[in-house]
Amino acid sequence: MIVRREEQDKMTYTIYKYEIPVGDTSPIQLPAGAEMLTVLTQHGRPVLYARIDASQTALESRVLYVRRTGHPLTGEEGPYLSSFMLDDGALVFHVFADRVKPSR
């Protein structure tokens, strides 16, 4: 969806966080048009930070691909998003977004 400049200025953007499971493929529901920013750990759990339009009520399914260092990539991964560590840095994971272009 193309958003005219004056409509875009009226949107209320907020950064939200979403806990994500540590698995090869992690499906997640985000508000339509959400921009995935990064993945960090908080209290020992990985969380996705995303910029969302707080007035958006429609959700869309997205997928994060989580790969450990030294494990093969399958080719289904989209663009690199972020890396995070667990177990005091003993485990390092790399997160790739899906190839779906979010709607705006």
PDB file of N, CA and C in Angstrom:
ATOM      1  N   MET A   1       0.846  -1.156   0.000  1.00  0.00           N
ATOM      2  CA  MET A   1       0.000   0.000   0.000  1.00  0.00           C
ATOM      3  C   MET A   1       0.903   1.234   0.000  1.00  0.00           C
ATOM      4  N   ILE A   2       0.604   2.186  -0.830  1.00  0.00           N
ATOM      5  CA  ILE A   2       1.341   3.438  -0.880  1.00  0.00           C
ATOM      6  C   ILE A   2       0.658   4.426   0.059  1.00  0.00           C
ATOM      7  N   VAL A   3       1.437   5.040   0.918  1.00  0.00           N
ATOM      8  CA  VAL A   3       0.900   5.999   1.882  1.00  0.00           C
ATOM      9  C   VAL A   3       1.340   7.387   1.467  1.00  0.00           C
ATOM     10  N   ARG A   4       0.388   8.267   1.288  1.00  0.00           N
ATOM     11  CA  ARG A   4       0.726   9.647   0.955  1.00  0.00           C
ATOM     12  C   ARG A   4       1.436  10.298   2.139  1.00  0.00           C
ATOM     13  N   ARG A   5       2.280  11.254   1.841  1.00  0.00           N
ATOM     14  CA  ARG A   5       3.094  11.908   2.865  1.00  0.00           C
ATOM     15  C   ARG A   5       2.245  12.478   4.007  1.00  0.00           C
ATOM     16  N   GLU A   6       1.138  13.143   3.682  1.00  0.00           N
ATOM     17  CA  GLU A   6       0.324  13.736   4.746  1.00  0.00           C
ATOM     18  C   GLU A   6      -0.336  12.668   5.617  1.00  0.00           C
ATOM     19  N   GLU A   7      -0.651  11.503   5.023  1.00  0.00           N
ATOM     20  CA  GLU A   7      -1.210  10.414   5.827  1.00  0.00           C
ATOM     21  C   GLU A   7      -0.133   9.801   6.707  1.00  0.00           C
ATOM     22  N   GLN A   8       1.064   9.670   6.168  1.00  0.00           N
ATOM     23  CA  GLN A   8       2.162   9.088   6.922  1.00  0.00           C
ATOM     24  C   GLN A   8       2.484   9.943   8.149  1.00  0.00           C
ATOM     25  N   ASP A   9       2.402  11.245   8.008  1.00  0.00           N
ATOM     26  CA  ASP A   9       2.693  12.126   9.133  1.00  0.00           C
ATOM     27  C   ASP A   9       1.699  11.953  10.266  1.00  0.00           C
ATOM     28  N   LYS A  10       0.493  11.467   9.985  1.00  0.00           N
ATOM     29  CA  LYS A  10      -0.540  11.286  10.996  1.00  0.00           C
ATOM     30  C   LYS A  10      -0.389   9.975  11.760  1.00  0.00           C
ATOM     31  N   MET A  11       0.431   9.058  11.245  1.00  0.00           N
ATOM     32  CA  MET A  11       0.616   7.773  11.914  1.00  0.00           C
ATOM     33  C   MET A  11       1.381   7.968  13.211  1.00  0.00           C
ATOM     34  N   THR A  12       1.046   7.155  14.193  1.00  0.00           N
ATOM     35  CA  THR A  12       1.736   7.190  15.472  1.00  0.00           C
ATOM     36  C   THR A  12       2.626   5.958  15.559  1.00  0.00           C
ATOM     37  N   TYR A  13       3.914   6.175  15.403  1.00  0.00           N
ATOM     38  CA  TYR A  13       4.849   5.049  15.453  1.00  0.00           C
ATOM     39  C   TYR A  13       5.347   4.835  16.874  1.00  0.00           C
ATOM     40  N   THR A  14       5.498   3.572  17.223  1.00  0.00           N
ATOM     41  CA  THR A  14       5.978   3.170  18.535  1.00  0.00           C
ATOM     42  C   THR A  14       6.896   1.972  18.348  1.00  0.00           C
ATOM     43  N   ILE A  15       7.883   1.834  19.195  1.00  0.00           N
ATOM     44  CA  ILE A  15       8.724   0.634  19.160  1.00  0.00           C
ATOM     45  C   ILE A  15       8.190  -0.331  20.202  1.00  0.00           C
ATOM     46  N   TYR A  16       7.837  -1.523  19.732  1.00  0.00           N
ATOM     47  CA  TYR A  16       7.340  -2.590  20.600  1.00  0.00           C
ATOM     48  C   TYR A  16       8.359  -3.721  20.610  1.00  0.00           C
ATOM     49  N   LYS A  17       8.279  -4.540  21.635  1.00  0.00           N
ATOM     50  CA  LYS A  17       9.140  -5.722  21.683  1.00  0.00           C
ATOM     51  C   LYS A  17       8.263  -6.969  21.725  1.00  0.00           C
ATOM     52  N   TYR A  18       8.811  -8.024  21.142  1.00  0.00           N
ATOM     53  CA  TYR A  18       8.110  -9.305  21.044  1.00  0.00           C
ATOM     54  C   TYR A  18       9.099 -10.414  21.382  1.00  0.00           C
ATOM     55  N   GLU A  19       8.775 -11.234  22.364  1.00  0.00           N
ATOM     56  CA  GLU A  19       9.636 -12.387  22.659  1.00  0.00           C
ATOM     57  C   GLU A  19       9.570 -13.350  21.489  1.00  0.00           C
ATOM     58  N   ILE A  20      10.721 -13.904  21.140  1.00  0.00           N
ATOM     59  CA  ILE A  20      10.741 -14.885  20.058  1.00  0.00           C
ATOM     60  C   ILE A  20      11.335 -16.186  20.577  1.00  0.00           C
ATOM     61  N   PRO A  21      10.829 -17.311  20.104  1.00  0.00           N
ATOM     62  CA  PRO A  21      11.407 -18.592  20.503  1.00  0.00           C
ATOM     63  C   PRO A  21      12.719 -18.823  19.767  1.00  0.00           C
ATOM     64  N   VAL A  22      13.602 -19.593  20.376  1.00  0.00           N
ATOM     65  CA  VAL A  22      14.847 -19.960  19.719  1.00  0.00           C
ATOM     66  C   VAL A  22      14.583 -21.270  18.988  1.00  0.00           C
ATOM     67  N   GLY A  23      14.327 -21.159  17.711  1.00  0.00           N
ATOM     68  CA  GLY A  23      14.083 -22.311  16.858  1.00  0.00           C
ATOM     69  C   GLY A  23      14.525 -21.948  15.457  1.00  0.00           C
ATOM     70  N   ASP A  24      14.667 -22.939  14.608  1.00  0.00           N
ATOM     71  CA  ASP A  24      15.117 -22.658  13.241  1.00  0.00           C
ATOM     72  C   ASP A  24      14.196 -21.677  12.534  1.00  0.00           C
ATOM     73  N   THR A  25      12.882 -21.873  12.722  1.00  0.00           N
ATOM     74  CA  THR A  25      11.880 -21.009  12.098  1.00  0.00           C
ATOM     75  C   THR A  25      10.946 -20.514  13.188  1.00  0.00           C
ATOM     76  N   SER A  26      10.843 -19.218  13.325  1.00  0.00           N
ATOM     77  CA  SER A  26      10.019 -18.638  14.385  1.00  0.00           C
ATOM     78  C   SER A  26       8.940 -17.745  13.774  1.00  0.00           C
ATOM     79  N   PRO A  27       7.708 -18.281  13.612  1.00  0.00           N
ATOM     80  CA  PRO A  27       6.634 -17.436  13.109  1.00  0.00           C
ATOM     81  C   PRO A  27       6.219 -16.412  14.165  1.00  0.00           C
ATOM     82  N   ILE A  28       5.802 -15.245  13.709  1.00  0.00           N
ATOM     83  CA  ILE A  28       5.400 -14.188  14.626  1.00  0.00           C
ATOM     84  C   ILE A  28       4.297 -13.355  13.963  1.00  0.00           C
ATOM     85  N   GLN A  29       3.361 -12.894  14.761  1.00  0.00           N
ATOM     86  CA  GLN A  29       2.297 -12.011  14.286  1.00  0.00           C
ATOM     87  C   GLN A  29       2.672 -10.581  14.665  1.00  0.00           C
ATOM     88  N   LEU A  30       2.719  -9.702  13.676  1.00  0.00           N
ATOM     89  CA  LEU A  30       3.045  -8.301  13.906  1.00  0.00           C
ATOM     90  C   LEU A  30       1.959  -7.432  13.290  1.00  0.00           C
ATOM     91  N   PRO A  31       1.791  -6.231  13.795  1.00  0.00           N
ATOM     92  CA  PRO A  31       0.858  -5.314  13.142  1.00  0.00           C
ATOM     93  C   PRO A  31       1.279  -5.110  11.675  1.00  0.00           C
ATOM     94  N   ALA A  32       0.306  -5.018  10.789  1.00  0.00           N
ATOM     95  CA  ALA A  32       0.599  -4.839   9.369  1.00  0.00           C
ATOM     96  C   ALA A  32       1.508  -3.631   9.174  1.00  0.00           C
ATOM     97  N   GLY A  33       2.531  -3.812   8.353  1.00  0.00           N
ATOM     98  CA  GLY A  33       3.460  -2.729   8.060  1.00  0.00           C
ATOM     99  C   GLY A  33       4.574  -2.561   9.068  1.00  0.00           C
ATOM    100  N   ALA A  34       4.659  -3.431  10.068  1.00  0.00           N
ATOM    101  CA  ALA A  34       5.707  -3.310  11.085  1.00  0.00           C
ATOM    102  C   ALA A  34       7.090  -3.422  10.443  1.00  0.00           C
ATOM    103  N   GLU A  35       8.013  -2.639  10.952  1.00  0.00           N
ATOM    104  CA  GLU A  35       9.402  -2.701  10.498  1.00  0.00           C
ATOM    105  C   GLU A  35      10.233  -3.370  11.581  1.00  0.00           C
ATOM    106  N   MET A  36      10.772  -4.553  11.272  1.00  0.00           N
ATOM    107  CA  MET A  36      11.611  -5.256  12.236  1.00  0.00           C
ATOM    108  C   MET A  36      12.949  -4.530  12.325  1.00  0.00           C
ATOM    109  N   LEU A  37      13.364  -4.178  13.554  1.00  0.00           N
ATOM    110  CA  LEU A  37      14.566  -3.375  13.753  1.00  0.00           C
ATOM    111  C   LEU A  37      15.778  -4.191  14.170  1.00  0.00           C
ATOM    112  N   THR A  38      15.640  -4.966  15.247  1.00  0.00           N
ATOM    113  CA  THR A  38      16.766  -5.739  15.761  1.00  0.00           C
ATOM    114  C   THR A  38      16.260  -6.803  16.723  1.00  0.00           C
ATOM    115  N   VAL A  39      17.139  -7.723  17.081  1.00  0.00           N
ATOM    116  CA  VAL A  39      16.863  -8.721  18.116  1.00  0.00           C
ATOM    117  C   VAL A  39      17.966  -8.608  19.153  1.00  0.00           C
ATOM    118  N   LEU A  40      17.574  -8.474  20.408  1.00  0.00           N
ATOM    119  CA  LEU A  40      18.507  -8.413  21.538  1.00  0.00           C
ATOM    120  C   LEU A  40      18.019  -9.379  22.600  1.00  0.00           C
ATOM    121  N   THR A  41      18.807  -9.577  23.640  1.00  0.00           N
ATOM    122  CA  THR A  41      18.325 -10.393  24.753  1.00  0.00           C
ATOM    123  C   THR A  41      17.943  -9.482  25.911  1.00  0.00           C
ATOM    124  N   GLN A  42      16.891  -9.886  26.595  1.00  0.00           N
ATOM    125  CA  GLN A  42      16.450  -9.199  27.794  1.00  0.00           C
ATOM    126  C   GLN A  42      16.057 -10.270  28.791  1.00  0.00           C
ATOM    127  N   HIS A  43      16.667 -10.243  29.963  1.00  0.00           N
ATOM    128  CA  HIS A  43      16.429 -11.256  30.988  1.00  0.00           C
ATOM    129  C   HIS A  43      16.681 -12.667  30.453  1.00  0.00           C
ATOM    130  N   GLY A  44      17.709 -12.798  29.613  1.00  0.00           N
ATOM    131  CA  GLY A  44      18.100 -14.104  29.097  1.00  0.00           C
ATOM    132  C   GLY A  44      17.220 -14.657  27.991  1.00  0.00           C
ATOM    133  N   ARG A  45      16.338 -13.831  27.440  1.00  0.00           N
ATOM    134  CA  ARG A  45      15.446 -14.283  26.365  1.00  0.00           C
ATOM    135  C   ARG A  45      15.576 -13.347  25.163  1.00  0.00           C
ATOM    136  N   PRO A  46      15.541 -13.919  23.949  1.00  0.00           N
ATOM    137  CA  PRO A  46      15.617 -13.052  22.775  1.00  0.00           C
ATOM    138  C   PRO A  46      14.298 -12.312  22.544  1.00  0.00           C
ATOM    139  N   VAL A  47      14.421 -11.036  22.226  1.00  0.00           N
ATOM    140  CA  VAL A  47      13.238 -10.230  21.913  1.00  0.00           C
ATOM    141  C   VAL A  47      13.481  -9.466  20.614  1.00  0.00           C
ATOM    142  N   LEU A  48      12.448  -9.404  19.805  1.00  0.00           N
ATOM    143  CA  LEU A  48      12.454  -8.634  18.572  1.00  0.00           C
ATOM    144  C   LEU A  48      11.918  -7.252  18.883  1.00  0.00           C
ATOM    145  N   TYR A  49      12.608  -6.232  18.418  1.00  0.00           N
ATOM    146  CA  TYR A  49      12.116  -4.864  18.520  1.00  0.00           C
ATOM    147  C   TYR A  49      11.637  -4.464  17.127  1.00  0.00           C
ATOM    148  N   ALA A  50      10.423  -3.926  17.078  1.00  0.00           N
ATOM    149  CA  ALA A  50       9.831  -3.550  15.798  1.00  0.00           C
ATOM    150  C   ALA A  50       9.175  -2.184  15.911  1.00  0.00           C
ATOM    151  N   ARG A  51       9.279  -1.423  14.853  1.00  0.00           N
ATOM    152  CA  ARG A  51       8.594  -0.120  14.766  1.00  0.00           C
ATOM    153  C   ARG A  51       7.229  -0.388  14.161  1.00  0.00           C
ATOM    154  N   ILE A  52       6.193  -0.018  14.905  1.00  0.00           N
ATOM    155  CA  ILE A  52       4.838  -0.291  14.456  1.00  0.00           C
ATOM    156  C   ILE A  52       4.017   0.995  14.427  1.00  0.00           C
ATOM    157  N   ASP A  53       2.971   0.976  13.633  1.00  0.00           N
ATOM    158  CA  ASP A  53       1.970   2.034  13.649  1.00  0.00           C
ATOM    159  C   ASP A  53       0.981   1.624  14.733  1.00  0.00           C
ATOM    160  N   ALA A  54       0.960   2.352  15.842  1.00  0.00           N
ATOM    161  CA  ALA A  54       0.144   1.981  16.998  1.00  0.00           C
ATOM    162  C   ALA A  54      -1.350   1.986  16.699  1.00  0.00           C
ATOM    163  N   SER A  55      -1.758   2.652  15.635  1.00  0.00           N
ATOM    164  CA  SER A  55      -3.186   2.663  15.289  1.00  0.00           C
ATOM    165  C   SER A  55      -3.572   1.483  14.405  1.00  0.00           C
ATOM    166  N   GLN A  56      -2.588   0.709  13.965  1.00  0.00           N
ATOM    167  CA  GLN A  56      -2.849  -0.426  13.072  1.00  0.00           C
ATOM    168  C   GLN A  56      -3.396  -1.607  13.864  1.00  0.00           C
ATOM    169  N   THR A  57      -4.561  -2.096  13.480  1.00  0.00           N
ATOM    170  CA  THR A  57      -5.162  -3.234  14.187  1.00  0.00           C
ATOM    171  C   THR A  57      -5.008  -4.543  13.419  1.00  0.00           C
ATOM    172  N   ALA A  58      -4.787  -4.460  12.131  1.00  0.00           N
ATOM    173  CA  ALA A  58      -4.613  -5.676  11.331  1.00  0.00           C
ATOM    174  C   ALA A  58      -3.246  -6.288  11.617  1.00  0.00           C
ATOM    175  N   LEU A  59      -3.206  -7.605  11.679  1.00  0.00           N
ATOM    176  CA  LEU A  59      -1.953  -8.328  11.903  1.00  0.00           C
ATOM    177  C   LEU A  59      -1.526  -9.033  10.629  1.00  0.00           C
ATOM    178  N   GLU A  60      -0.213  -9.264  10.510  1.00  0.00           N
ATOM    179  CA  GLU A  60       0.300 -10.058   9.409  1.00  0.00           C
ATOM    180  C   GLU A  60       1.302 -11.068   9.960  1.00  0.00           C
ATOM    181  N   SER A  61       1.343 -12.214   9.320  1.00  0.00           N
ATOM    182  CA  SER A  61       2.266 -13.272   9.728  1.00  0.00           C
ATOM    183  C   SER A  61       3.632 -12.996   9.129  1.00  0.00           C
ATOM    184  N   ARG A  62       4.639 -13.049   9.961  1.00  0.00           N
ATOM    185  CA  ARG A  62       6.024 -12.901   9.525  1.00  0.00           C
ATOM    186  C   ARG A  62       6.802 -14.091  10.067  1.00  0.00           C
ATOM    187  N   VAL A  63       7.994 -14.293   9.537  1.00  0.00           N
ATOM    188  CA  VAL A  63       8.825 -15.418   9.967  1.00  0.00           C
ATOM    189  C   VAL A  63      10.240 -14.916  10.215  1.00  0.00           C
ATOM    190  N   LEU A  64      10.810 -15.341  11.328  1.00  0.00           N
ATOM    191  CA  LEU A  64      12.220 -15.101  11.613  1.00  0.00           C
ATOM    192  C   LEU A  64      12.944 -16.437  11.487  1.00  0.00           C
ATOM    193  N   TYR A  65      14.100 -16.413  10.848  1.00  0.00           N
ATOM    194  CA  TYR A  65      14.932 -17.610  10.726  1.00  0.00           C
ATOM    195  C   TYR A  65      16.118 -17.425  11.660  1.00  0.00           C
ATOM    196  N   VAL A  66      16.275 -18.322  12.604  1.00  0.00           N
ATOM    197  CA  VAL A  66      17.311 -18.211  13.631  1.00  0.00           C
ATOM    198  C   VAL A  66      18.344 -19.308  13.384  1.00  0.00           C
ATOM    199  N   ARG A  67      19.598 -18.923  13.188  1.00  0.00           N
ATOM    200  CA  ARG A  67      20.668 -19.877  12.902  1.00  0.00           C
ATOM    201  C   ARG A  67      21.807 -19.682  13.886  1.00  0.00           C
ATOM    202  N   ARG A  68      22.330 -20.809  14.386  1.00  0.00           N
ATOM    203  CA  ARG A  68      23.499 -20.760  15.275  1.00  0.00           C
ATOM    204  C   ARG A  68      24.771 -20.611  14.461  1.00  0.00           C
ATOM    205  N   THR A  69      25.762 -19.994  15.065  1.00  0.00           N
ATOM    206  CA  THR A  69      27.070 -19.906  14.422  1.00  0.00           C
ATOM    207  C   THR A  69      27.565 -21.311  14.116  1.00  0.00           C
ATOM    208  N   GLY A  70      28.059 -21.501  12.905  1.00  0.00           N
ATOM    209  CA  GLY A  70      28.588 -22.795  12.488  1.00  0.00           C
ATOM    210  C   GLY A  70      27.552 -23.732  11.895  1.00  0.00           C
ATOM    211  N   HIS A  71      26.291 -23.380  11.958  1.00  0.00           N
ATOM    212  CA  HIS A  71      25.237 -24.207  11.367  1.00  0.00           C
ATOM    213  C   HIS A  71      24.957 -23.725   9.945  1.00  0.00           C
ATOM    214  N   PRO A  72      24.569 -24.636   9.071  1.00  0.00           N
ATOM    215  CA  PRO A  72      24.372 -24.240   7.668  1.00  0.00           C
ATOM    216  C   PRO A  72      23.153 -23.341   7.467  1.00  0.00           C
ATOM    217  N   LEU A  73      23.246 -22.496   6.461  1.00  0.00           N
ATOM    218  CA  LEU A  73      22.100 -21.713   6.015  1.00  0.00           C
ATOM    219  C   LEU A  73      21.372 -22.556   4.971  1.00  0.00           C
ATOM    220  N   THR A  74      20.066 -22.443   4.939  1.00  0.00           N
ATOM    221  CA  THR A  74      19.266 -23.292   4.042  1.00  0.00           C
ATOM    222  C   THR A  74      18.903 -22.618   2.734  1.00  0.00           C
ATOM    223  N   GLY A  75      19.046 -21.306   2.655  1.00  0.00           N
ATOM    224  CA  GLY A  75      18.658 -20.583   1.457  1.00  0.00           C
ATOM    225  C   GLY A  75      17.274 -19.968   1.554  1.00  0.00           C
ATOM    226  N   GLU A  76      16.513 -20.364   2.574  1.00  0.00           N
ATOM    227  CA  GLU A  76      15.177 -19.778   2.737  1.00  0.00           C
ATOM    228  C   GLU A  76      15.225 -18.471   3.526  1.00  0.00           C
ATOM    229  N   GLU A  77      16.375 -18.203   4.135  1.00  0.00           N
ATOM    230  CA  GLU A  77      16.522 -16.986   4.940  1.00  0.00           C
ATOM    231  C   GLU A  77      16.445 -15.753   4.050  1.00  0.00           C
ATOM    232  N   GLY A  78      15.863 -14.711   4.601  1.00  0.00           N
ATOM    233  CA  GLY A  78      15.827 -13.420   3.919  1.00  0.00           C
ATOM    234  C   GLY A  78      16.983 -12.560   4.410  1.00  0.00           C
ATOM    235  N   PRO A  79      16.805 -11.262   4.435  1.00  0.00           N
ATOM    236  CA  PRO A  79      17.879 -10.351   4.842  1.00  0.00           C
ATOM    237  C   PRO A  79      18.290 -10.533   6.310  1.00  0.00           C
ATOM    238  N   TYR A  80      19.578 -10.354   6.559  1.00  0.00           N
ATOM    239  CA  TYR A  80      20.109 -10.415   7.920  1.00  0.00           C
ATOM    240  C   TYR A  80      19.479  -9.308   8.751  1.00  0.00           C
ATOM    241  N   LEU A  81      19.083  -9.666   9.973  1.00  0.00           N
ATOM    242  CA  LEU A  81      18.458  -8.693  10.864  1.00  0.00           C
ATOM    243  C   LEU A  81      19.359  -8.355  12.043  1.00  0.00           C
ATOM    244  N   SER A  82      19.880  -9.395  12.732  1.00  0.00           N
ATOM    245  CA  SER A  82      20.632  -9.130  13.953  1.00  0.00           C
ATOM    246  C   SER A  82      21.257 -10.426  14.458  1.00  0.00           C
ATOM    247  N   SER A  83      22.128 -10.315  15.442  1.00  0.00           N
ATOM    248  CA  SER A  83      22.682 -11.466  16.154  1.00  0.00           C
ATOM    249  C   SER A  83      22.470 -11.251  17.643  1.00  0.00           C
ATOM    250  N   PHE A  84      22.379 -12.346  18.384  1.00  0.00           N
ATOM    251  CA  PHE A  84      22.250 -12.249  19.834  1.00  0.00           C
ATOM    252  C   PHE A  84      22.948 -13.438  20.476  1.00  0.00           C
ATOM    253  N   MET A  85      23.261 -13.299  21.769  1.00  0.00           N
ATOM    254  CA  MET A  85      23.972 -14.345  22.504  1.00  0.00           C
ATOM    255  C   MET A  85      23.149 -14.805  23.699  1.00  0.00           C
ATOM    256  N   LEU A  86      23.291 -16.077  24.010  1.00  0.00           N
ATOM    257  CA  LEU A  86      22.697 -16.664  25.202  1.00  0.00           C
ATOM    258  C   LEU A  86      23.785 -17.387  25.980  1.00  0.00           C
ATOM    259  N   ASP A  87      23.494 -17.751  27.206  1.00  0.00           N
ATOM    260  CA  ASP A  87      24.413 -18.520  28.054  1.00  0.00           C
ATOM    261  C   ASP A  87      25.765 -17.814  28.174  1.00  0.00           C
ATOM    262  N   ASP A  88      25.708 -16.525  28.544  1.00  0.00           N
ATOM    263  CA  ASP A  88      26.913 -15.705  28.724  1.00  0.00           C
ATOM    264  C   ASP A  88      27.828 -15.710  27.505  1.00  0.00           C
ATOM    265  N   GLY A  89      27.234 -15.744  26.316  1.00  0.00           N
ATOM    266  CA  GLY A  89      28.009 -15.680  25.084  1.00  0.00           C
ATOM    267  C   GLY A  89      28.447 -17.024  24.551  1.00  0.00           C
ATOM    268  N   ALA A  90      28.130 -18.106  25.244  1.00  0.00           N
ATOM    269  CA  ALA A  90      28.519 -19.433  24.769  1.00  0.00           C
ATOM    270  C   ALA A  90      27.747 -19.831  23.510  1.00  0.00           C
ATOM    271  N   LEU A  91      26.535 -19.311  23.363  1.00  0.00           N
ATOM    272  CA  LEU A  91      25.711 -19.603  22.185  1.00  0.00           C
ATOM    273  C   LEU A  91      25.450 -18.298  21.439  1.00  0.00           C
ATOM    274  N   VAL A  92      25.786 -18.296  20.168  1.00  0.00           N
ATOM    275  CA  VAL A  92      25.566 -17.106  19.354  1.00  0.00           C
ATOM    276  C   VAL A  92      24.600 -17.470  18.227  1.00  0.00           C
ATOM    277  N   PHE A  93      23.553 -16.665  18.093  1.00  0.00           N
ATOM    278  CA  PHE A  93      22.517 -16.895  17.087  1.00  0.00           C
ATOM    279  C   PHE A  93      22.466 -15.704  16.140  1.00  0.00           C
ATOM    280  N   HIS A  94      22.078 -15.981  14.907  1.00  0.00           N
ATOM    281  CA  HIS A  94      21.966 -14.958  13.878  1.00  0.00           C
ATOM    282  C   HIS A  94      20.542 -15.017  13.338  1.00  0.00           C
ATOM    283  N   VAL A  95      19.900 -13.857  13.239  1.00  0.00           N
ATOM    284  CA  VAL A  95      18.490 -13.791  12.872  1.00  0.00           C
ATOM    285  C   VAL A  95      18.346 -13.167  11.491  1.00  0.00           C
ATOM    286  N   PHE A  96      17.546 -13.823  10.682  1.00  0.00           N
ATOM    287  CA  PHE A  96      17.235 -13.345   9.337  1.00  0.00           C
ATOM    288  C   PHE A  96      15.736 -13.135   9.244  1.00  0.00           C
ATOM    289  N   ALA A  97      15.338 -12.056   8.602  1.00  0.00           N
ATOM    290  CA  ALA A  97      13.909 -11.778   8.397  1.00  0.00           C
ATOM    291  C   ALA A  97      13.403 -12.622   7.229  1.00  0.00           C
ATOM    292  N   ASP A  98      12.100 -12.667   7.086  1.00  0.00           N
ATOM    293  CA  ASP A  98      11.534 -13.328   5.916  1.00  0.00           C
ATOM    294  C   ASP A  98      11.710 -12.432   4.694  1.00  0.00           C
ATOM    295  N   ARG A  99      11.404 -12.967   3.557  1.00  0.00           N
ATOM    296  CA  ARG A  99      11.548 -12.203   2.313  1.00  0.00           C
ATOM    297  C   ARG A  99      10.312 -11.392   1.975  1.00  0.00           C
ATOM    298  N   VAL A 100       9.293 -11.479   2.824  1.00  0.00           N
ATOM    299  CA  VAL A 100       8.038 -10.766   2.573  1.00  0.00           C
ATOM    300  C   VAL A 100       8.246  -9.275   2.791  1.00  0.00           C
ATOM    301  N   LYS A 101       7.831  -8.501   1.827  1.00  0.00           N
ATOM    302  CA  LYS A 101       7.896  -7.051   2.012  1.00  0.00           C
ATOM    303  C   LYS A 101       6.650  -6.639   2.765  1.00  0.00           C
ATOM    304  N   PRO A 102       6.796  -6.077   3.979  1.00  0.00           N
ATOM    305  CA  PRO A 102       5.617  -5.716   4.767  1.00  0.00           C
ATOM    306  C   PRO A 102       4.791  -4.640   4.068  1.00  0.00           C
ATOM    307  N   SER A 103       3.496  -4.707   4.306  1.00  0.00           N
ATOM    308  CA  SER A 103       2.614  -3.690   3.742  1.00  0.00           C
ATOM    309  C   SER A 103       2.737  -2.417   4.569  1.00  0.00           C
ATOM    310  N   ARG A 104       2.449  -1.294   3.988  1.00  0.00           N
ATOM    311  CA  ARG A 104       2.501  -0.010   4.702  1.00  0.00           C
ATOM    312  C   ARG A 104       1.167   0.667   4.599  1.00  0.00           C
TER     313      ARG A 104
END
